[in-house]
């Protein structure tokens, strides 16, 4: 199994606890970062990095925090293009 590490941006490593819940889903095997009580300051790019004896790979994900449904719909429409 790979070692999985989450960060916000390149340098801010996240740890399990507080508002962050980091776990592996037993049913799907997926590694999950769950943020409770989401705030605007949580918006940004998150990076998940998996490392094992063969090397490492990482993937970014951008989190947008909004309370306006039209902003979310606009973003989803841009993703389809």
Protein backbone atom coordinates (compact mmCIF):
# COMPACT_ATOMS: atom_id res chain seq x y z
CA UNK A 1 0.00 0.00 0.00
CA UNK A 2 1.28 3.48 -0.76
CA UNK A 3 1.88 6.10 1.87
CA UNK A 4 -0.58 8.91 1.15
CA UNK A 5 -0.01 12.50 2.19
CA UNK A 6 -2.33 15.49 1.76
CA UNK A 7 -1.31 19.15 1.64
CA UNK A 8 -2.85 22.50 0.88
CA UNK A 9 -0.58 24.08 -1.65
CA UNK A 10 2.90 22.59 -1.85
CA UNK A 11 4.10 23.06 1.70
CA UNK A 12 1.18 23.07 4.15
CA UNK A 13 0.96 19.38 5.15
CA UNK A 14 -2.42 18.34 6.54
CA UNK A 15 -2.85 15.99 9.49
CA UNK A 16 -5.85 13.99 10.63
CA UNK A 17 -7.69 15.76 13.44
CA UNK A 18 -9.67 18.91 14.10
CA UNK A 19 -11.60 19.88 10.98
CA UNK A 20 -9.60 17.46 8.79
CA UNK A 21 -10.50 13.79 8.59
CA UNK A 22 -7.99 11.78 6.55
CA UNK A 23 -8.74 8.11 6.01
CA UNK A 24 -8.91 5.22 3.57
CA UNK A 25 -12.43 4.10 2.69
CA UNK A 26 -12.64 0.41 3.59
CA UNK A 27 -15.24 -0.31 0.91
CA UNK A 28 -13.65 1.41 -2.09
CA UNK A 29 -10.00 1.56 -1.01
CA UNK A 30 -9.98 5.28 -1.87
CA UNK A 31 -7.97 7.72 0.23
CA UNK A 32 -10.17 10.57 1.44
CA UNK A 33 -9.68 14.09 2.80
CA UNK A 34 -12.84 15.35 4.48
CA UNK A 35 -13.09 18.93 5.76
CA UNK A 36 -15.83 19.78 8.24
CA UNK A 37 -17.26 23.23 8.90
CA UNK A 38 -15.93 24.45 5.53
CA UNK A 39 -14.91 28.12 5.32
CA UNK A 40 -13.92 30.44 2.47
CA UNK A 41 -10.30 30.26 3.61
CA UNK A 42 -10.38 26.52 2.81
CA UNK A 43 -10.61 27.34 -0.90
CA UNK A 44 -7.46 26.64 -2.86
CA UNK A 45 -5.43 23.87 -4.41
CA UNK A 46 -4.96 20.65 -2.48
CA UNK A 47 -2.39 18.03 -3.40
CA UNK A 48 -2.51 14.31 -2.68
CA UNK A 49 0.78 12.43 -3.00
CA UNK A 50 1.09 8.63 -3.01
CA UNK A 51 4.51 7.05 -2.45
CA UNK A 52 5.67 3.44 -2.45
CA UNK A 53 8.86 1.51 -3.21
CA UNK A 54 8.37 2.14 -6.94
CA UNK A 55 8.22 5.93 -6.69
CA UNK A 56 5.61 8.61 -6.13
CA UNK A 57 2.80 10.34 -7.93
CA UNK A 58 0.73 13.37 -7.01
CA UNK A 59 -2.50 14.94 -8.16
CA UNK A 60 -3.89 18.42 -7.50
CA UNK A 61 -7.52 19.32 -6.87
CA UNK A 62 -8.97 22.80 -6.64
CA UNK A 63 -11.60 23.49 -4.00
CA UNK A 64 -13.95 26.42 -4.60
CA UNK A 65 -16.04 27.58 -1.65
CA UNK A 66 -19.17 29.60 -2.44
CA UNK A 67 -22.64 30.07 -1.06
CA UNK A 68 -23.96 31.20 -4.46
CA UNK A 69 -25.40 28.33 -6.56
CA UNK A 70 -24.87 30.28 -9.80
CA UNK A 71 -21.09 30.41 -9.17
CA UNK A 72 -20.99 26.65 -8.71
CA UNK A 73 -23.05 26.07 -11.86
CA UNK A 74 -20.79 28.40 -13.86
CA UNK A 75 -17.69 26.51 -12.69
CA UNK A 76 -19.25 23.13 -13.56
CA UNK A 77 -20.12 24.42 -17.05
CA UNK A 78 -16.48 25.49 -17.60
CA UNK A 79 -15.27 22.02 -16.59
CA UNK A 80 -17.33 20.45 -19.37
CA UNK A 81 -15.38 22.39 -22.01
